[in-house]
PDB file of N, CA and C in Angstrom:
ATOM      1  N   UNK A   1       0.842  -1.183   0.000  1.00  0.00           N
ATOM      2  CA  UNK A   1       0.000   0.000   0.000  1.00  0.00           C
ATOM      3  C   UNK A   1       0.885   1.243   0.000  1.00  0.00           C
ATOM      4  N   UNK A   2       0.500   2.213  -0.798  1.00  0.00           N
ATOM      5  CA  UNK A   2       1.191   3.492  -0.848  1.00  0.00           C
ATOM      6  C   UNK A   2       0.156   4.577  -0.599  1.00  0.00           C
ATOM      7  N   UNK A   3       0.300   5.271   0.534  1.00  0.00           N
ATOM      8  CA  UNK A   3      -0.729   6.236   0.911  1.00  0.00           C
ATOM      9  C   UNK A   3      -0.095   7.420   1.626  1.00  0.00           C
ATOM     10  N   UNK A   4      -0.715   8.584   1.405  1.00  0.00           N
ATOM     11  CA  UNK A   4      -0.270   9.794   2.086  1.00  0.00           C
ATOM     12  C   UNK A   4      -1.467  10.434   2.776  1.00  0.00           C
ATOM     13  N   UNK A   5      -1.317  10.652   4.075  1.00  0.00           N
ATOM     14  CA  UNK A   5      -2.302  11.376   4.860  1.00  0.00           C
ATOM     15  C   UNK A   5      -1.732  12.786   5.033  1.00  0.00           C
ATOM     16  N   UNK A   6      -2.457  13.776   4.568  1.00  0.00           N
ATOM     17  CA  UNK A   6      -1.937  15.139   4.573  1.00  0.00           C
ATOM     18  C   UNK A   6      -3.081  16.123   4.777  1.00  0.00           C
ATOM     19  N   UNK A   7      -2.710  17.394   4.849  1.00  0.00           N
ATOM     20  CA  UNK A   7      -3.682  18.464   4.970  1.00  0.00           C
ATOM     21  C   UNK A   7      -3.456  19.399   3.791  1.00  0.00           C
ATOM     22  N   UNK A   8      -4.458  19.560   2.943  1.00  0.00           N
ATOM     23  CA  UNK A   8      -4.298  20.341   1.709  1.00  0.00           C
ATOM     24  C   UNK A   8      -4.017  21.815   1.974  1.00  0.00           C
ATOM     25  N   UNK A   9      -4.365  22.301   3.146  1.00  0.00           N
ATOM     26  CA  UNK A   9      -4.129  23.696   3.473  1.00  0.00           C
ATOM     27  C   UNK A   9      -2.783  23.918   4.169  1.00  0.00           C
ATOM     28  N   UNK A  10      -2.010  22.881   4.338  1.00  0.00           N
ATOM     29  CA  UNK A  10      -0.728  22.962   5.049  1.00  0.00           C
ATOM     30  C   UNK A  10       0.403  23.183   4.040  1.00  0.00           C
ATOM     31  N   UNK A  11       1.071  24.326   4.137  1.00  0.00           N
ATOM     32  CA  UNK A  11       2.141  24.644   3.188  1.00  0.00           C
ATOM     33  C   UNK A  11       3.332  23.690   3.343  1.00  0.00           C
ATOM     34  N   UNK A  12       3.590  23.232   4.551  1.00  0.00           N
ATOM     35  CA  UNK A  12       4.690  22.292   4.766  1.00  0.00           C
ATOM     36  C   UNK A  12       4.409  20.966   4.062  1.00  0.00           C
ATOM     37  N   UNK A  13       3.176  20.470   4.180  1.00  0.00           N
ATOM     38  CA  UNK A  13       2.794  19.243   3.475  1.00  0.00           C
ATOM     39  C   UNK A  13       2.983  19.424   1.971  1.00  0.00           C
ATOM     40  N   UNK A  14       2.525  20.566   1.458  1.00  0.00           N
ATOM     41  CA  UNK A  14       2.624  20.831   0.026  1.00  0.00           C
ATOM     42  C   UNK A  14       4.079  20.830  -0.434  1.00  0.00           C
ATOM     43  N   UNK A  15       4.954  21.505   0.321  1.00  0.00           N
ATOM     44  CA  UNK A  15       6.375  21.578  -0.040  1.00  0.00           C
ATOM     45  C   UNK A  15       6.993  20.178  -0.087  1.00  0.00           C
ATOM     46  N   UNK A  16       6.716  19.409   0.939  1.00  0.00           N
ATOM     47  CA  UNK A  16       7.279  18.062   1.009  1.00  0.00           C
ATOM     48  C   UNK A  16       6.772  17.223  -0.155  1.00  0.00           C
ATOM     49  N   UNK A  17       5.472  17.242  -0.385  1.00  0.00           N
ATOM     50  CA  UNK A  17       4.890  16.422  -1.445  1.00  0.00           C
ATOM     51  C   UNK A  17       5.365  16.870  -2.830  1.00  0.00           C
ATOM     52  N   UNK A  18       5.543  18.174  -3.022  1.00  0.00           N
ATOM     53  CA  UNK A  18       6.019  18.681  -4.316  1.00  0.00           C
ATOM     54  C   UNK A  18       7.449  18.253  -4.624  1.00  0.00           C
ATOM     55  N   UNK A  19       8.216  17.944  -3.583  1.00  0.00           N
ATOM     56  CA  UNK A  19       9.612  17.565  -3.786  1.00  0.00           C
ATOM     57  C   UNK A  19       9.805  16.059  -4.013  1.00  0.00           C
ATOM     58  N   UNK A  20       8.706  15.308  -3.989  1.00  0.00           N
ATOM     59  CA  UNK A  20       8.799  13.847  -4.084  1.00  0.00           C
ATOM     60  C   UNK A  20       8.135  13.324  -5.350  1.00  0.00           C
ATOM     61  N   UNK A  21       8.563  12.146  -5.764  1.00  0.00           N
ATOM     62  CA  UNK A  21       7.910  11.427  -6.857  1.00  0.00           C
ATOM     63  C   UNK A  21       6.843  10.545  -6.216  1.00  0.00           C
ATOM     64  N   UNK A  22       5.604  10.934  -6.360  1.00  0.00           N
ATOM     65  CA  UNK A  22       4.515  10.257  -5.654  1.00  0.00           C
ATOM     66  C   UNK A  22       3.639   9.422  -6.581  1.00  0.00           C
ATOM     67  N   UNK A  23       4.194   8.967  -7.690  1.00  0.00           N
ATOM     68  CA  UNK A  23       3.441   8.107  -8.606  1.00  0.00           C
ATOM     69  C   UNK A  23       2.967   6.862  -7.865  1.00  0.00           C
ATOM     70  N   UNK A  24       1.700   6.562  -7.985  1.00  0.00           N
ATOM     71  CA  UNK A  24       1.145   5.354  -7.379  1.00  0.00           C
ATOM     72  C   UNK A  24       0.668   5.528  -5.951  1.00  0.00           C
ATOM     73  N   UNK A  25       0.815   6.718  -5.396  1.00  0.00           N
ATOM     74  CA  UNK A  25       0.356   6.954  -4.024  1.00  0.00           C
ATOM     75  C   UNK A  25      -1.097   7.412  -4.021  1.00  0.00           C
ATOM     76  N   UNK A  26      -1.846   6.909  -3.056  1.00  0.00           N
ATOM     77  CA  UNK A  26      -3.214   7.379  -2.816  1.00  0.00           C
ATOM     78  C   UNK A  26      -3.111   8.532  -1.832  1.00  0.00           C
ATOM     79  N   UNK A  27      -3.787   9.632  -2.125  1.00  0.00           N
ATOM     80  CA  UNK A  27      -3.755  10.806  -1.258  1.00  0.00           C
ATOM     81  C   UNK A  27      -5.049  10.917  -0.469  1.00  0.00           C
ATOM     82  N   UNK A  28      -4.923  11.251   0.816  1.00  0.00           N
ATOM     83  CA  UNK A  28      -6.109  11.454   1.647  1.00  0.00           C
ATOM     84  C   UNK A  28      -5.945  12.743   2.438  1.00  0.00           C
ATOM     85  N   UNK A  29      -6.765  13.745   2.102  1.00  0.00           N
ATOM     86  CA  UNK A  29      -6.789  15.003   2.837  1.00  0.00           C
ATOM     87  C   UNK A  29      -7.583  14.745   4.119  1.00  0.00           C
ATOM     88  N   UNK A  30      -6.898  14.782   5.250  1.00  0.00           N
ATOM     89  CA  UNK A  30      -7.524  14.367   6.513  1.00  0.00           C
ATOM     90  C   UNK A  30      -8.561  15.356   7.037  1.00  0.00           C
ATOM     91  N   UNK A  31      -8.622  16.556   6.445  1.00  0.00           N
ATOM     92  CA  UNK A  31      -9.654  17.495   6.860  1.00  0.00           C
ATOM     93  C   UNK A  31     -10.984  17.161   6.189  1.00  0.00           C
ATOM     94  N   UNK A  32     -10.953  16.892   4.901  1.00  0.00           N
ATOM     95  CA  UNK A  32     -12.192  16.598   4.179  1.00  0.00           C
ATOM     96  C   UNK A  32     -12.560  15.116   4.234  1.00  0.00           C
ATOM     97  N   UNK A  33     -11.580  14.260   4.511  1.00  0.00           N
ATOM     98  CA  UNK A  33     -11.794  12.810   4.588  1.00  0.00           C
ATOM     99  C   UNK A  33     -11.071  12.291   5.836  1.00  0.00           C
ATOM    100  N   UNK A  34     -11.694  12.451   7.018  1.00  0.00           N
ATOM    101  CA  UNK A  34     -11.023  12.097   8.281  1.00  0.00           C
ATOM    102  C   UNK A  34     -10.534  10.647   8.324  1.00  0.00           C
ATOM    103  N   UNK A  35      -9.443  10.465   9.067  1.00  0.00           N
ATOM    104  CA  UNK A  35      -8.912   9.110   9.205  1.00  0.00           C
ATOM    105  C   UNK A  35      -9.853   8.280  10.074  1.00  0.00           C
ATOM    106  N   UNK A  36      -9.883   7.003   9.777  1.00  0.00           N
ATOM    107  CA  UNK A  36     -10.726   6.083  10.538  1.00  0.00           C
ATOM    108  C   UNK A  36      -9.908   5.444  11.654  1.00  0.00           C
ATOM    109  N   UNK A  37     -10.603   4.830  12.577  1.00  0.00           N
ATOM    110  CA  UNK A  37      -9.934   4.123  13.669  1.00  0.00           C
ATOM    111  C   UNK A  37      -9.038   3.024  13.103  1.00  0.00           C
ATOM    112  N   UNK A  38      -9.519   2.335  12.066  1.00  0.00           N
ATOM    113  CA  UNK A  38      -8.741   1.264  11.442  1.00  0.00           C
ATOM    114  C   UNK A  38      -7.474   1.805  10.783  1.00  0.00           C
ATOM    115  N   UNK A  39      -7.589   2.937  10.081  1.00  0.00           N
ATOM    116  CA  UNK A  39      -6.410   3.541   9.448  1.00  0.00           C
ATOM    117  C   UNK A  39      -5.396   3.960  10.508  1.00  0.00           C
ATOM    118  N   UNK A  40      -5.873   4.551  11.605  1.00  0.00           N
ATOM    119  CA  UNK A  40      -4.982   4.977  12.668  1.00  0.00           C
ATOM    120  C   UNK A  40      -4.296   3.774  13.313  1.00  0.00           C
ATOM    121  N   UNK A  41      -5.033   2.691  13.480  1.00  0.00           N
ATOM    122  CA  UNK A  41      -4.445   1.470  14.057  1.00  0.00           C
ATOM    123  C   UNK A  41      -3.330   0.951  13.152  1.00  0.00           C
ATOM    124  N   UNK A  42      -3.546   0.988  11.858  1.00  0.00           N
ATOM    125  CA  UNK A  42      -2.525   0.548  10.908  1.00  0.00           C
ATOM    126  C   UNK A  42      -1.275   1.433  11.013  1.00  0.00           C
ATOM    127  N   UNK A  43      -1.474   2.738  11.127  1.00  0.00           N
ATOM    128  CA  UNK A  43      -0.341   3.651  11.284  1.00  0.00           C
ATOM    129  C   UNK A  43       0.409   3.357  12.581  1.00  0.00           C
ATOM    130  N   UNK A  44      -0.343   3.076  13.636  1.00  0.00           N
ATOM    131  CA  UNK A  44       0.268   2.771  14.931  1.00  0.00           C
ATOM    132  C   UNK A  44       1.111   1.505  14.862  1.00  0.00           C
ATOM    133  N   UNK A  45       0.619   0.497  14.150  1.00  0.00           N
ATOM    134  CA  UNK A  45       1.374  -0.750  14.024  1.00  0.00           C
ATOM    135  C   UNK A  45       2.696  -0.518  13.302  1.00  0.00           C
ATOM    136  N   UNK A  46       2.701   0.368  12.312  1.00  0.00           N
ATOM    137  CA  UNK A  46       3.933   0.664  11.580  1.00  0.00           C
ATOM    138  C   UNK A  46       4.871   1.569  12.376  1.00  0.00           C
ATOM    139  N   UNK A  47       4.306   2.490  13.141  1.00  0.00           N
ATOM    140  CA  UNK A  47       5.136   3.463  13.868  1.00  0.00           C
ATOM    141  C   UNK A  47       5.549   2.987  15.254  1.00  0.00           C
ATOM    142  N   UNK A  48       4.779   2.067  15.832  1.00  0.00           N
ATOM    143  CA  UNK A  48       5.103   1.551  17.157  1.00  0.00           C
ATOM    144  C   UNK A  48       4.283   2.150  18.285  1.00  0.00           C
ATOM    145  N   UNK A  49       3.702   3.340  18.049  1.00  0.00           N
ATOM    146  CA  UNK A  49       2.894   3.951  19.102  1.00  0.00           C
ATOM    147  C   UNK A  49       2.013   5.049  18.521  1.00  0.00           C
ATOM    148  N   UNK A  50       0.965   5.370  19.264  1.00  0.00           N
ATOM    149  CA  UNK A  50       0.118   6.503  18.887  1.00  0.00           C
ATOM    150  C   UNK A  50       0.850   7.810  19.179  1.00  0.00           C
ATOM    151  N   UNK A  51       1.689   7.795  20.198  1.00  0.00           N
ATOM    152  CA  UNK A  51       2.430   8.999  20.561  1.00  0.00           C
ATOM    153  C   UNK A  51       3.330   9.466  19.413  1.00  0.00           C
ATOM    154  N   UNK A  52       3.910   8.536  18.657  1.00  0.00           N
ATOM    155  CA  UNK A  52       4.766   8.888  17.522  1.00  0.00           C
ATOM    156  C   UNK A  52       3.983   9.627  16.440  1.00  0.00           C
ATOM    157  N   UNK A  53       2.674   9.421  16.399  1.00  0.00           N
ATOM    158  CA  UNK A  53       1.809  10.048  15.400  1.00  0.00           C
ATOM    159  C   UNK A  53       1.180  11.357  15.899  1.00  0.00           C
ATOM    160  N   UNK A  54       1.360  11.651  17.164  1.00  0.00           N
ATOM    161  CA  UNK A  54       0.684  12.774  17.815  1.00  0.00           C
ATOM    162  C   UNK A  54       1.488  14.064  17.687  1.00  0.00           C
ATOM    163  N   UNK A  55       0.815  15.131  17.289  1.00  0.00           N
ATOM    164  CA  UNK A  55       1.466  16.430  17.129  1.00  0.00           C
ATOM    165  C   UNK A  55       1.259  17.296  18.358  1.00  0.00           C
ATOM    166  N   UNK A  56       2.369  17.655  18.980  1.00  0.00           N
ATOM    167  CA  UNK A  56       2.301  18.578  20.115  1.00  0.00           C
ATOM    168  C   UNK A  56       2.332  20.026  19.637  1.00  0.00           C
ATOM    169  N   UNK A  57       2.415  20.240  18.335  1.00  0.00           N
ATOM    170  CA  UNK A  57       2.394  21.595  17.764  1.00  0.00           C
ATOM    171  C   UNK A  57       0.966  22.092  17.508  1.00  0.00           C
ATOM    172  N   UNK A  58       0.008  21.210  17.585  1.00  0.00           N
ATOM    173  CA  UNK A  58      -1.382  21.572  17.298  1.00  0.00           C
ATOM    174  C   UNK A  58      -1.846  22.677  18.250  1.00  0.00           C
ATOM    175  N   UNK A  59      -2.567  23.652  17.695  1.00  0.00           N
ATOM    176  CA  UNK A  59      -3.095  24.744  18.531  1.00  0.00           C
ATOM    177  C   UNK A  59      -3.976  24.197  19.646  1.00  0.00           C
ATOM    178  N   UNK A  60      -4.735  23.164  19.336  1.00  0.00           N
ATOM    179  CA  UNK A  60      -5.619  22.586  20.357  1.00  0.00           C
ATOM    180  C   UNK A  60      -4.829  21.980  21.513  1.00  0.00           C
ATOM    181  N   UNK A  61      -3.602  21.547  21.256  1.00  0.00           N
ATOM    182  CA  UNK A  61      -2.750  20.997  22.315  1.00  0.00           C
ATOM    183  C   UNK A  61      -2.536  22.065  23.379  1.00  0.00           C
ATOM    184  N   UNK A  62      -2.235  23.296  22.932  1.00  0.00           N
ATOM    185  CA  UNK A  62      -2.052  24.405  23.860  1.00  0.00           C
ATOM    186  C   UNK A  62      -3.375  24.822  24.489  1.00  0.00           C
ATOM    187  N   UNK A  63      -4.400  24.965  23.638  1.00  0.00           N
ATOM    188  CA  UNK A  63      -5.703  25.443  24.119  1.00  0.00           C
ATOM    189  C   UNK A  63      -6.306  24.536  25.184  1.00  0.00           C
ATOM    190  N   UNK A  64      -6.115  23.240  25.039  1.00  0.00           N
ATOM    191  CA  UNK A  64      -6.678  22.288  26.006  1.00  0.00           C
ATOM    192  C   UNK A  64      -5.751  22.070  27.202  1.00  0.00           C
ATOM    193  N   UNK A  65      -4.580  22.707  27.176  1.00  0.00           N
ATOM    194  CA  UNK A  65      -3.627  22.558  28.280  1.00  0.00           C
ATOM    195  C   UNK A  65      -3.082  21.147  28.412  1.00  0.00           C
ATOM    196  N   UNK A  66      -2.911  20.464  27.297  1.00  0.00           N
ATOM    197  CA  UNK A  66      -2.499  19.059  27.346  1.00  0.00           C
ATOM    198  C   UNK A  66      -1.049  18.867  27.776  1.00  0.00           C
ATOM    199  N   UNK A  67      -0.244  19.937  27.702  1.00  0.00           N
ATOM    200  CA  UNK A  67       1.146  19.797  28.137  1.00  0.00           C
ATOM    201  C   UNK A  67       1.228  19.545  29.643  1.00  0.00           C
ATOM    202  N   UNK A  68       0.159  19.887  30.355  1.00  0.00           N
ATOM    203  CA  UNK A  68       0.118  19.684  31.801  1.00  0.00           C
ATOM    204  C   UNK A  68      -0.564  18.374  32.195  1.00  0.00           C
ATOM    205  N   UNK A  69      -0.879  17.547  31.188  1.00  0.00           N
ATOM    206  CA  UNK A  69      -1.588  16.294  31.426  1.00  0.00           C
ATOM    207  C   UNK A  69      -0.672  15.129  31.068  1.00  0.00           C
ATOM    208  N   UNK A  70      -0.714  14.090  31.886  1.00  0.00           N
ATOM    209  CA  UNK A  70       0.079  12.883  31.613  1.00  0.00           C
ATOM    210  C   UNK A  70      -0.711  12.008  30.633  1.00  0.00           C
ATOM    211  N   UNK A  71      -0.448  12.200  29.346  1.00  0.00           N
ATOM    212  CA  UNK A  71      -1.195  11.483  28.311  1.00  0.00           C
ATOM    213  C   UNK A  71      -0.690  10.052  28.151  1.00  0.00           C
ATOM    214  N   UNK A  72      -1.618   9.141  27.974  1.00  0.00           N
ATOM    215  CA  UNK A  72      -1.319   7.726  27.742  1.00  0.00           C
ATOM    216  C   UNK A  72      -1.646   7.386  26.287  1.00  0.00           C
ATOM    217  N   UNK A  73      -1.280   6.207  25.848  1.00  0.00           N
ATOM    218  CA  UNK A  73      -1.526   5.780  24.467  1.00  0.00           C
ATOM    219  C   UNK A  73      -2.993   5.932  24.067  1.00  0.00           C
ATOM    220  N   UNK A  74      -3.903   5.524  24.951  1.00  0.00           N
ATOM    221  CA  UNK A  74      -5.333   5.630  24.626  1.00  0.00           C
ATOM    222  C   UNK A  74      -5.747   7.091  24.441  1.00  0.00           C
ATOM    223  N   UNK A  75      -5.091   8.013  25.181  1.00  0.00           N
ATOM    224  CA  UNK A  75      -5.389   9.441  25.045  1.00  0.00           C
ATOM    225  C   UNK A  75      -4.911   9.962  23.693  1.00  0.00           C
ATOM    226  N   UNK A  76      -3.692   9.561  23.296  1.00  0.00           N
ATOM    227  CA  UNK A  76      -3.170   9.990  21.994  1.00  0.00           C
ATOM    228  C   UNK A  76      -4.100   9.516  20.879  1.00  0.00           C
ATOM    229  N   UNK A  77      -4.527   8.264  20.969  1.00  0.00           N
ATOM    230  CA  UNK A  77      -5.441   7.707  19.965  1.00  0.00           C
ATOM    231  C   UNK A  77      -6.743   8.526  19.926  1.00  0.00           C
ATOM    232  N   UNK A  78      -7.323   8.773  21.081  1.00  0.00           N
ATOM    233  CA  UNK A  78      -8.595   9.497  21.166  1.00  0.00           C
ATOM    234  C   UNK A  78      -8.473  10.892  20.561  1.00  0.00           C
ATOM    235  N   UNK A  79      -7.422  11.621  20.920  1.00  0.00           N
ATOM    236  CA  UNK A  79      -7.269  12.984  20.412  1.00  0.00           C
ATOM    237  C   UNK A  79      -7.049  13.017  18.908  1.00  0.00           C
ATOM    238  N   UNK A  80      -6.261  12.088  18.377  1.00  0.00           N
ATOM    239  CA  UNK A  80      -6.019  12.051  16.925  1.00  0.00           C
ATOM    240  C   UNK A  80      -7.329  11.777  16.189  1.00  0.00           C
ATOM    241  N   UNK A  81      -8.131  10.862  16.704  1.00  0.00           N
ATOM    242  CA  UNK A  81      -9.414  10.563  16.062  1.00  0.00           C
ATOM    243  C   UNK A  81     -10.417  11.707  16.240  1.00  0.00           C
ATOM    244  N   UNK A  82     -10.295  12.428  17.342  1.00  0.00           N
ATOM    245  CA  UNK A  82     -11.228  13.517  17.653  1.00  0.00           C
ATOM    246  C   UNK A  82     -11.030  14.716  16.719  1.00  0.00           C
ATOM    247  N   UNK A  83      -9.763  15.049  16.390  1.00  0.00           N
ATOM    248  CA  UNK A  83      -9.513  16.229  15.553  1.00  0.00           C
ATOM    249  C   UNK A  83      -8.246  16.024  14.723  1.00  0.00           C
ATOM    250  N   UNK A  84      -8.361  16.298  13.437  1.00  0.00           N
ATOM    251  CA  UNK A  84      -7.269  16.047  12.491  1.00  0.00           C
ATOM    252  C   UNK A  84      -5.973  16.787  12.827  1.00  0.00           C
ATOM    253  N   UNK A  85      -6.050  17.904  13.537  1.00  0.00           N
ATOM    254  CA  UNK A  85      -4.821  18.658  13.807  1.00  0.00           C
ATOM    255  C   UNK A  85      -3.870  17.923  14.748  1.00  0.00           C
ATOM    256  N   UNK A  86      -4.351  16.910  15.444  1.00  0.00           N
ATOM    257  CA  UNK A  86      -3.487  16.168  16.354  1.00  0.00           C
ATOM    258  C   UNK A  86      -2.616  15.132  15.640  1.00  0.00           C
ATOM    259  N   UNK A  87      -2.840  14.912  14.353  1.00  0.00           N
ATOM    260  CA  UNK A  87      -1.999  13.965  13.608  1.00  0.00           C
ATOM    261  C   UNK A  87      -0.801  14.716  13.045  1.00  0.00           C
ATOM    262  N   UNK A  88       0.412  14.221  13.348  1.00  0.00           N
ATOM    263  CA  UNK A  88       1.605  14.795  12.733  1.00  0.00           C
ATOM    264  C   UNK A  88       1.487  14.599  11.242  1.00  0.00           C
ATOM    265  N   UNK A  89       1.834  15.652  10.474  1.00  0.00           N
ATOM    266  CA  UNK A  89       1.650  15.543   9.035  1.00  0.00           C
ATOM    267  C   UNK A  89       2.906  15.929   8.302  1.00  0.00           C
ATOM    268  N   UNK A  90       3.046  15.417   7.104  1.00  0.00           N
ATOM    269  CA  UNK A  90       2.258  14.341   6.493  1.00  0.00           C
ATOM    270  C   UNK A  90       2.667  12.984   7.061  1.00  0.00           C
ATOM    271  N   UNK A  91       1.797  12.006   6.870  1.00  0.00           N
ATOM    272  CA  UNK A  91       2.136  10.620   7.166  1.00  0.00           C
ATOM    273  C   UNK A  91       2.180   9.914   5.816  1.00  0.00           C
ATOM    274  N   UNK A  92       3.347   9.381   5.490  1.00  0.00           N
ATOM    275  CA  UNK A  92       3.539   8.720   4.205  1.00  0.00           C
ATOM    276  C   UNK A  92       3.845   7.252   4.463  1.00  0.00           C
ATOM    277  N   UNK A  93       3.015   6.392   3.875  1.00  0.00           N
ATOM    278  CA  UNK A  93       3.175   4.950   4.038  1.00  0.00           C
ATOM    279  C   UNK A  93       3.511   4.351   2.680  1.00  0.00           C
ATOM    280  N   UNK A  94       4.585   3.597   2.658  1.00  0.00           N
ATOM    281  CA  UNK A  94       4.979   2.874   1.454  1.00  0.00           C
ATOM    282  C   UNK A  94       5.221   1.431   1.864  1.00  0.00           C
ATOM    283  N   UNK A  95       4.242   0.592   1.566  1.00  0.00           N
ATOM    284  CA  UNK A  95       4.278  -0.822   1.953  1.00  0.00           C
ATOM    285  C   UNK A  95       4.440  -0.942   3.463  1.00  0.00           C
ATOM    286  N   UNK A  96       5.603  -1.367   3.958  1.00  0.00           N
ATOM    287  CA  UNK A  96       5.759  -1.559   5.403  1.00  0.00           C
ATOM    288  C   UNK A  96       6.619  -0.465   6.041  1.00  0.00           C
ATOM    289  N   UNK A  97       6.821   0.650   5.334  1.00  0.00           N
ATOM    290  CA  UNK A  97       7.576   1.775   5.879  1.00  0.00           C
ATOM    291  C   UNK A  97       6.632   2.940   6.134  1.00  0.00           C
ATOM    292  N   UNK A  98       6.928   3.689   7.200  1.00  0.00           N
ATOM    293  CA  UNK A  98       6.120   4.865   7.515  1.00  0.00           C
ATOM    294  C   UNK A  98       7.051   6.040   7.783  1.00  0.00           C
ATOM    295  N   UNK A  99       6.675   7.187   7.260  1.00  0.00           N
ATOM    296  CA  UNK A  99       7.406   8.432   7.459  1.00  0.00           C
ATOM    297  C   UNK A  99       6.412   9.419   8.059  1.00  0.00           C
ATOM    298  N   UNK A 100       6.763   9.972   9.225  1.00  0.00           N
ATOM    299  CA  UNK A 100       5.819  10.803   9.971  1.00  0.00           C
ATOM    300  C   UNK A 100       6.386  12.196  10.183  1.00  0.00           C
ATOM    301  N   UNK A 101       5.611  13.196   9.785  1.00  0.00           N
ATOM    302  CA  UNK A 101       5.957  14.567  10.089  1.00  0.00           C
ATOM    303  C   UNK A 101       6.923  15.215   9.128  1.00  0.00           C
ATOM    304  N   UNK A 102       7.465  16.346   9.578  1.00  0.00           N
ATOM    305  CA  UNK A 102       8.285  17.173   8.708  1.00  0.00           C
ATOM    306  C   UNK A 102       9.643  17.521   9.317  1.00  0.00           C
ATOM    307  N   UNK A 103      10.134  16.674  10.201  1.00  0.00           N
ATOM    308  CA  UNK A 103      11.441  16.936  10.794  1.00  0.00           C
ATOM    309  C   UNK A 103      12.515  16.832   9.710  1.00  0.00           C
ATOM    310  N   UNK A 104      13.651  17.492   9.888  1.00  0.00           N
ATOM    311  CA  UNK A 104      14.723  17.398   8.887  1.00  0.00           C
ATOM    312  C   UNK A 104      15.138  15.948   8.603  1.00  0.00           C
ATOM    313  N   UNK A 105      15.170  15.127   9.639  1.00  0.00           N
ATOM    314  CA  UNK A 105      15.541  13.714   9.474  1.00  0.00           C
ATOM    315  C   UNK A 105      14.528  12.985   8.585  1.00  0.00           C
ATOM    316  N   UNK A 106      13.247  13.232   8.818  1.00  0.00           N
ATOM    317  CA  UNK A 106      12.187  12.602   8.024  1.00  0.00           C
ATOM    318  C   UNK A 106      12.242  13.082   6.583  1.00  0.00           C
ATOM    319  N   UNK A 107      12.421  14.394   6.397  1.00  0.00           N
ATOM    320  CA  UNK A 107      12.488  14.946   5.040  1.00  0.00           C
ATOM    321  C   UNK A 107      13.674  14.372   4.272  1.00  0.00           C
ATOM    322  N   UNK A 108      14.810  14.210   4.943  1.00  0.00           N
ATOM    323  CA  UNK A 108      15.996  13.643   4.295  1.00  0.00           C
ATOM    324  C   UNK A 108      15.742  12.193   3.890  1.00  0.00           C
ATOM    325  N   UNK A 109      15.093  11.420   4.763  1.00  0.00           N
ATOM    326  CA  UNK A 109      14.783  10.017   4.451  1.00  0.00           C
ATOM    327  C   UNK A 109      13.818   9.930   3.272  1.00  0.00           C
ATOM    328  N   UNK A 110      12.844  10.831   3.221  1.00  0.00           N
ATOM    329  CA  UNK A 110      11.889  10.854   2.108  1.00  0.00           C
ATOM    330  C   UNK A 110      12.590  11.213   0.799  1.00  0.00           C
ATOM    331  N   UNK A 111      13.489  12.188   0.844  1.00  0.00           N
ATOM    332  CA  UNK A 111      14.214  12.573  -0.367  1.00  0.00           C
ATOM    333  C   UNK A 111      15.074  11.431  -0.880  1.00  0.00           C
ATOM    334  N   UNK A 112      15.697  10.712   0.033  1.00  0.00           N
ATOM    335  CA  UNK A 112      16.537   9.580  -0.344  1.00  0.00           C
ATOM    336  C   UNK A 112      15.705   8.491  -1.021  1.00  0.00           C
ATOM    337  N   UNK A 113      14.506   8.250  -0.500  1.00  0.00           N
ATOM    338  CA  UNK A 113      13.684   7.164  -1.012  1.00  0.00           C
ATOM    339  C   UNK A 113      12.810   7.587  -2.210  1.00  0.00           C
ATOM    340  N   UNK A 114      12.246   8.800  -2.162  1.00  0.00           N
ATOM    341  CA  UNK A 114      11.271   9.190  -3.186  1.00  0.00           C
ATOM    342  C   UNK A 114      11.613  10.488  -3.922  1.00  0.00           C
ATOM    343  N   UNK A 115      12.804  11.032  -3.693  1.00  0.00           N
ATOM    344  CA  UNK A 115      13.171  12.312  -4.309  1.00  0.00           C
ATOM    345  C   UNK A 115      13.085  12.286  -5.824  1.00  0.00           C
ATOM    346  N   UNK A 116      12.758  13.441  -6.388  1.00  0.00           N
ATOM    347  CA  UNK A 116      12.622  13.563  -7.847  1.00  0.00           C
ATOM    348  C   UNK A 116      13.989  13.557  -8.500  1.00  0.00           C
TER     349      UNK A 116
END
């Protein structure tokens, strides 16, 4: 399976995706087509945890005061399913590999594997 979970209004997602050869990838804009519990479970199995998929940069993270809460795996799962901004983006899945977010390390790995 080759799939990208992204946000069409996110300039960082756009930059990353524009720099890659994405032939054969299915695209899913998580704002207009929210991720399902099953899709999130699949991402968790590839990444090892829900926490790895959770974005602490989300405005709602600050607004809800979550930095002062001891979040557990079930909490990360619940928040990601509750609102798309809690998913680190983009999430790129290529068969049994997963690339999460926009860190320099992730971007370098994506360029090495899918660069134009």
